[in-house]
Amino acid sequence: MPGTHMYQQYLNETDESPFLSKNATPAEKAFEQLDANGVKWLFDRAMASEEEKQAADAFHTTTVPLFCKMYPAYVDSAHNMKLMKHHWETAFGTKVPSLVQLEESFFELRNAGVLTLNAKAVAKEDAARIAQHHDELIAARKESEFDEAAAYTMPMEELERRARGF
């Protein structure tokens, strides 16, 4: 195909993208440098409501650091977070979990032996206390799950409170 060689030579000799104009903004240039995951993240963020954006920001700035402080055995890595994210999305059907959901995901995956943990911190832990806390989390979640039969006898204020997630 004529011209293909010249185009390939141009790509090899320049750092500029052939898809950007010479008057490209810094934002366009930055966007061009993103990999597929970065583009997907930007797209998902753009499609999210303001409440979802605030919840995601709070999760990353408040919930995750608090969780890491509470559980020093957890290694904050891409591998662990990918496993945790998959768990809370499938188990709870949420993109942004609460601290309790994050804890429950941690305990489930830890018990399954799939998370990378800090061995020194694990050695210092009280296994019985951790198992008890895990059981308490599961019991609290089951207690708060929606029960249609109980909803008919529940006061309207309580039903509304549970519907709003408070």
C-alpha atoms as a PDB file:
ATOM      1  CA  MET A   1       0.000   0.000   0.000  1.00  0.00           C
ATOM      2  CA  PRO A   2       1.657   3.264  -1.018  1.00  0.00           C
ATOM      3  CA  GLY A   3       2.145   5.804   1.719  1.00  0.00           C
ATOM      4  CA  THR A   4       1.949   3.299   4.571  1.00  0.00           C
ATOM      5  CA  HIS A   5       5.716   3.260   4.874  1.00  0.00           C
ATOM      6  CA  MET A   6       5.841   7.072   5.071  1.00  0.00           C
ATOM      7  CA  TYR A   7       3.100   7.118   7.722  1.00  0.00           C
ATOM      8  CA  GLN A   8       4.903   4.472   9.800  1.00  0.00           C
ATOM      9  CA  GLN A   9       8.165   6.420   9.431  1.00  0.00           C
ATOM     10  CA  TYR A  10       6.365   9.580  10.654  1.00  0.00           C
ATOM     11  CA  LEU A  11       5.068   7.713  13.726  1.00  0.00           C
ATOM     12  CA  ASN A  12       8.541   6.407  14.522  1.00  0.00           C
ATOM     13  CA  GLU A  13      10.219   9.820  14.151  1.00  0.00           C
ATOM     14  CA  THR A  14       7.805  11.959  16.173  1.00  0.00           C
ATOM     15  CA  ASP A  15       6.327  11.866  19.659  1.00  0.00           C
ATOM     16  CA  GLU A  16       3.251  13.733  18.509  1.00  0.00           C
ATOM     17  CA  SER A  17       0.008  11.911  17.923  1.00  0.00           C
ATOM     18  CA  PRO A  18      -1.209  12.016  14.330  1.00  0.00           C
ATOM     19  CA  PHE A  19      -4.755  12.449  15.686  1.00  0.00           C
ATOM     20  CA  LEU A  20      -4.112  15.763  17.467  1.00  0.00           C
ATOM     21  CA  SER A  21      -4.037  19.089  15.717  1.00  0.00           C
ATOM     22  CA  LYS A  22      -1.103  21.431  16.195  1.00  0.00           C
ATOM     23  CA  ASN A  23      -3.412  23.645  18.318  1.00  0.00           C
ATOM     24  CA  ALA A  24      -4.359  20.852  20.732  1.00  0.00           C
ATOM     25  CA  THR A  25      -5.078  21.927  24.291  1.00  0.00           C
ATOM     26  CA  PRO A  26      -3.102  20.510  27.243  1.00  0.00           C
ATOM     27  CA  ALA A  27      -6.205  18.504  28.193  1.00  0.00           C
ATOM     28  CA  GLU A  28      -6.374  16.937  24.724  1.00  0.00           C
ATOM     29  CA  LYS A  29      -2.688  16.087  24.887  1.00  0.00           C
ATOM     30  CA  ALA A  30      -3.113  14.531  28.340  1.00  0.00           C
ATOM     31  CA  PHE A  31      -6.141  12.544  27.161  1.00  0.00           C
ATOM     32  CA  GLU A  32      -4.132  11.181  24.237  1.00  0.00           C
ATOM     33  CA  GLN A  33      -1.585   9.767  26.714  1.00  0.00           C
ATOM     34  CA  LEU A  34      -4.176   7.738  28.667  1.00  0.00           C
ATOM     35  CA  ASP A  35      -4.342   3.987  28.361  1.00  0.00           C
ATOM     36  CA  ALA A  36      -7.675   2.167  27.936  1.00  0.00           C
ATOM     37  CA  ASN A  37      -8.272   1.947  31.700  1.00  0.00           C
ATOM     38  CA  GLY A  38      -7.717   5.688  32.068  1.00  0.00           C
ATOM     39  CA  VAL A  39     -10.195   6.448  29.296  1.00  0.00           C
ATOM     40  CA  LYS A  40     -12.758   4.079  30.865  1.00  0.00           C
ATOM     41  CA  TRP A  41     -12.289   5.739  34.257  1.00  0.00           C
ATOM     42  CA  LEU A  42     -12.842   9.198  32.718  1.00  0.00           C
ATOM     43  CA  PHE A  43     -15.929   7.994  30.878  1.00  0.00           C
ATOM     44  CA  ASP A  44     -17.396   6.379  34.009  1.00  0.00           C
ATOM     45  CA  ARG A  45     -16.647   9.515  36.028  1.00  0.00           C
ATOM     46  CA  ALA A  46     -18.299  11.751  33.408  1.00  0.00           C
ATOM     47  CA  MET A  47     -21.435   9.581  33.414  1.00  0.00           C
ATOM     48  CA  ALA A  48     -21.723   9.498  37.222  1.00  0.00           C
ATOM     49  CA  SER A  49     -24.078  11.758  39.134  1.00  0.00           C
ATOM     50  CA  GLU A  50     -22.721  14.348  41.568  1.00  0.00           C
ATOM     51  CA  GLU A  51     -23.713  12.111  44.499  1.00  0.00           C
ATOM     52  CA  GLU A  52     -21.830   9.169  42.983  1.00  0.00           C
ATOM     53  CA  LYS A  53     -18.759  11.344  42.399  1.00  0.00           C
ATOM     54  CA  GLN A  54     -18.856  12.603  45.997  1.00  0.00           C
ATOM     55  CA  ALA A  55     -19.280   9.056  47.312  1.00  0.00           C
ATOM     56  CA  ALA A  56     -16.327   7.826  45.222  1.00  0.00           C
ATOM     57  CA  ASP A  57     -14.149  10.738  46.350  1.00  0.00           C
ATOM     58  CA  ALA A  58     -15.058  10.131  50.011  1.00  0.00           C
ATOM     59  CA  PHE A  59     -14.333   6.436  49.585  1.00  0.00           C
ATOM     60  CA  HIS A  60     -10.814   7.090  48.291  1.00  0.00           C
ATOM     61  CA  THR A  61      -9.947   9.943  50.660  1.00  0.00           C
ATOM     62  CA  THR A  62     -11.637   8.779  53.864  1.00  0.00           C
ATOM     63  CA  THR A  63     -12.880   5.165  53.844  1.00  0.00           C
ATOM     64  CA  VAL A  64      -9.831   3.429  52.336  1.00  0.00           C
ATOM     65  CA  PRO A  65      -7.268   5.215  54.573  1.00  0.00           C
ATOM     66  CA  LEU A  66      -9.414   4.473  57.646  1.00  0.00           C
ATOM     67  CA  PHE A  67      -9.761   0.827  56.615  1.00  0.00           C
ATOM     68  CA  CYS A  68      -5.983   0.520  56.082  1.00  0.00           C
ATOM     69  CA  LYS A  69      -5.391   2.010  59.534  1.00  0.00           C
ATOM     70  CA  MET A  70      -7.918  -0.375  61.131  1.00  0.00           C
ATOM     71  CA  TYR A  71      -6.449  -3.444  59.425  1.00  0.00           C
ATOM     72  CA  PRO A  72      -2.650  -3.172  59.164  1.00  0.00           C
ATOM     73  CA  ALA A  73      -2.512  -6.755  57.863  1.00  0.00           C
ATOM     74  CA  TYR A  74      -4.140  -5.592  54.621  1.00  0.00           C
ATOM     75  CA  VAL A  75      -1.595  -4.724  51.919  1.00  0.00           C
ATOM     76  CA  ASP A  76      -2.930  -1.822  49.833  1.00  0.00           C
ATOM     77  CA  SER A  77      -2.029  -3.141  46.389  1.00  0.00           C
ATOM     78  CA  ALA A  78      -3.645  -3.218  42.961  1.00  0.00           C
ATOM     79  CA  HIS A  79      -4.058  -7.016  43.245  1.00  0.00           C
ATOM     80  CA  ASN A  80      -5.865  -6.855  46.585  1.00  0.00           C
ATOM     81  CA  MET A  81      -8.052  -3.922  45.554  1.00  0.00           C
ATOM     82  CA  LYS A  82      -9.071  -5.679  42.340  1.00  0.00           C
ATOM     83  CA  LEU A  83     -10.179  -8.738  44.337  1.00  0.00           C
ATOM     84  CA  MET A  84     -11.980  -6.608  46.914  1.00  0.00           C
ATOM     85  CA  LYS A  85     -13.725  -4.546  44.223  1.00  0.00           C
ATOM     86  CA  HIS A  86     -14.923  -7.688  42.463  1.00  0.00           C
ATOM     87  CA  HIS A  87     -16.253  -9.040  45.763  1.00  0.00           C
ATOM     88  CA  TRP A  88     -18.217  -5.955  46.829  1.00  0.00           C
ATOM     89  CA  GLU A  89     -19.649  -5.499  43.327  1.00  0.00           C
ATOM     90  CA  THR A  90     -20.894  -9.099  43.185  1.00  0.00           C
ATOM     91  CA  ALA A  91     -21.838  -9.565  46.844  1.00  0.00           C
ATOM     92  CA  PHE A  92     -23.431  -6.165  47.472  1.00  0.00           C
ATOM     93  CA  GLY A  93     -24.133  -4.854  43.968  1.00  0.00           C
ATOM     94  CA  THR A  94     -22.409  -1.549  44.646  1.00  0.00           C
ATOM     95  CA  LYS A  95     -19.603   0.352  42.955  1.00  0.00           C
ATOM     96  CA  VAL A  96     -18.735   2.336  46.103  1.00  0.00           C
ATOM     97  CA  PRO A  97     -18.963   0.263  49.282  1.00  0.00           C
ATOM     98  CA  SER A  98     -19.486   1.450  52.820  1.00  0.00           C
ATOM     99  CA  LEU A  99     -16.822   0.786  55.423  1.00  0.00           C
ATOM    100  CA  VAL A 100     -18.824  -2.192  56.688  1.00  0.00           C
ATOM    101  CA  GLN A 101     -19.087  -3.659  53.177  1.00  0.00           C
ATOM    102  CA  LEU A 102     -15.363  -3.091  52.674  1.00  0.00           C
ATOM    103  CA  GLU A 103     -14.654  -4.904  55.946  1.00  0.00           C
ATOM    104  CA  GLU A 104     -16.912  -7.792  55.030  1.00  0.00           C
ATOM    105  CA  SER A 105     -15.222  -8.137  51.626  1.00  0.00           C
ATOM    106  CA  PHE A 106     -11.856  -8.138  53.382  1.00  0.00           C
ATOM    107  CA  PHE A 107     -12.880 -10.872  55.814  1.00  0.00           C
ATOM    108  CA  GLU A 108     -14.430 -13.067  53.126  1.00  0.00           C
ATOM    109  CA  LEU A 109     -11.378 -12.843  50.862  1.00  0.00           C
ATOM    110  CA  ARG A 110      -8.981 -13.186  53.772  1.00  0.00           C
ATOM    111  CA  ASN A 111     -10.736 -16.352  54.916  1.00  0.00           C
ATOM    112  CA  ALA A 112     -10.540 -17.650  51.336  1.00  0.00           C
ATOM    113  CA  GLY A 113      -6.777 -17.041  51.427  1.00  0.00           C
ATOM    114  CA  VAL A 114      -6.613 -14.979  48.236  1.00  0.00           C
ATOM    115  CA  LEU A 115      -5.404 -11.635  49.622  1.00  0.00           C
ATOM    116  CA  THR A 116      -1.779 -10.653  50.046  1.00  0.00           C
ATOM    117  CA  LEU A 117      -1.311  -9.808  53.729  1.00  0.00           C
ATOM    118  CA  ASN A 118       1.422  -8.240  55.837  1.00  0.00           C
ATOM    119  CA  ALA A 119       2.830 -11.280  57.649  1.00  0.00           C
ATOM    120  CA  LYS A 120       4.210  -9.261  60.580  1.00  0.00           C
ATOM    121  CA  ALA A 121       0.846  -7.606  61.215  1.00  0.00           C
ATOM    122  CA  VAL A 122      -0.978 -10.952  60.926  1.00  0.00           C
ATOM    123  CA  ALA A 123       1.317 -12.447  63.581  1.00  0.00           C
ATOM    124  CA  LYS A 124       0.305  -9.676  66.005  1.00  0.00           C
ATOM    125  CA  GLU A 125      -3.454 -10.092  65.474  1.00  0.00           C
ATOM    126  CA  ASP A 126      -5.934 -11.762  67.760  1.00  0.00           C
ATOM    127  CA  ALA A 127      -7.557 -14.365  65.479  1.00  0.00           C
ATOM    128  CA  ALA A 128     -10.532 -14.938  67.802  1.00  0.00           C
ATOM    129  CA  ARG A 129     -11.363 -11.215  67.924  1.00  0.00           C
ATOM    130  CA  ILE A 130     -11.175 -10.943  64.134  1.00  0.00           C
ATOM    131  CA  ALA A 131     -13.435 -13.983  63.631  1.00  0.00           C
ATOM    132  CA  GLN A 132     -15.946 -12.567  66.132  1.00  0.00           C
ATOM    133  CA  HIS A 133     -15.967  -9.178  64.377  1.00  0.00           C
ATOM    134  CA  HIS A 134     -16.530 -10.915  61.030  1.00  0.00           C
ATOM    135  CA  ASP A 135     -19.503 -12.838  62.458  1.00  0.00           C
ATOM    136  CA  GLU A 136     -20.925  -9.610  63.935  1.00  0.00           C
ATOM    137  CA  LEU A 137     -20.708  -7.869  60.556  1.00  0.00           C
ATOM    138  CA  ILE A 138     -22.553 -10.678  58.810  1.00  0.00           C
ATOM    139  CA  ALA A 139     -25.234 -10.800  61.518  1.00  0.00           C
ATOM    140  CA  ALA A 140     -25.747  -7.030  61.328  1.00  0.00           C
ATOM    141  CA  ARG A 141     -26.069  -7.159  57.529  1.00  0.00           C
ATOM    142  CA  LYS A 142     -28.587 -10.006  57.688  1.00  0.00           C
ATOM    143  CA  GLU A 143     -30.563  -8.135  60.339  1.00  0.00           C
ATOM    144  CA  SER A 144     -30.721  -5.017  58.188  1.00  0.00           C
ATOM    145  CA  GLU A 145     -31.627  -6.844  54.954  1.00  0.00           C
ATOM    146  CA  PHE A 146     -35.062  -6.082  53.579  1.00  0.00           C
ATOM    147  CA  ASP A 147     -37.807  -8.435  54.717  1.00  0.00           C
ATOM    148  CA  GLU A 148     -41.056  -7.821  52.843  1.00  0.00           C
ATOM    149  CA  ALA A 149     -43.216  -9.456  55.517  1.00  0.00           C
ATOM    150  CA  ALA A 150     -41.687  -7.276  58.239  1.00  0.00           C
ATOM    151  CA  ALA A 151     -42.065  -4.171  56.059  1.00  0.00           C
ATOM    152  CA  TYR A 152     -45.866  -4.437  56.203  1.00  0.00           C
ATOM    153  CA  THR A 153     -45.842  -4.160  60.006  1.00  0.00           C
ATOM    154  CA  MET A 154     -42.982  -1.689  60.273  1.00  0.00           C
ATOM    155  CA  PRO A 155     -43.702   1.985  61.127  1.00  0.00           C
ATOM    156  CA  MET A 156     -43.557   4.215  58.046  1.00  0.00           C
ATOM    157  CA  GLU A 157     -40.673   6.269  59.491  1.00  0.00           C
ATOM    158  CA  GLU A 158     -38.565   3.132  59.953  1.00  0.00           C
ATOM    159  CA  LEU A 159     -39.394   1.912  56.448  1.00  0.00           C
ATOM    160  CA  GLU A 160     -38.383   5.282  54.991  1.00  0.00           C
ATOM    161  CA  ARG A 161     -35.153   5.326  57.039  1.00  0.00           C
ATOM    162  CA  ARG A 162     -34.178   1.890  55.755  1.00  0.00           C
ATOM    163  CA  ALA A 163     -35.105   2.787  52.184  1.00  0.00           C
ATOM    164  CA  ARG A 164     -32.766   5.783  52.362  1.00  0.00           C
ATOM    165  CA  GLY A 165     -29.995   3.589  53.799  1.00  0.00           C
ATOM    166  CA  PHE A 166     -29.687   5.339  57.174  1.00  0.00           C
END
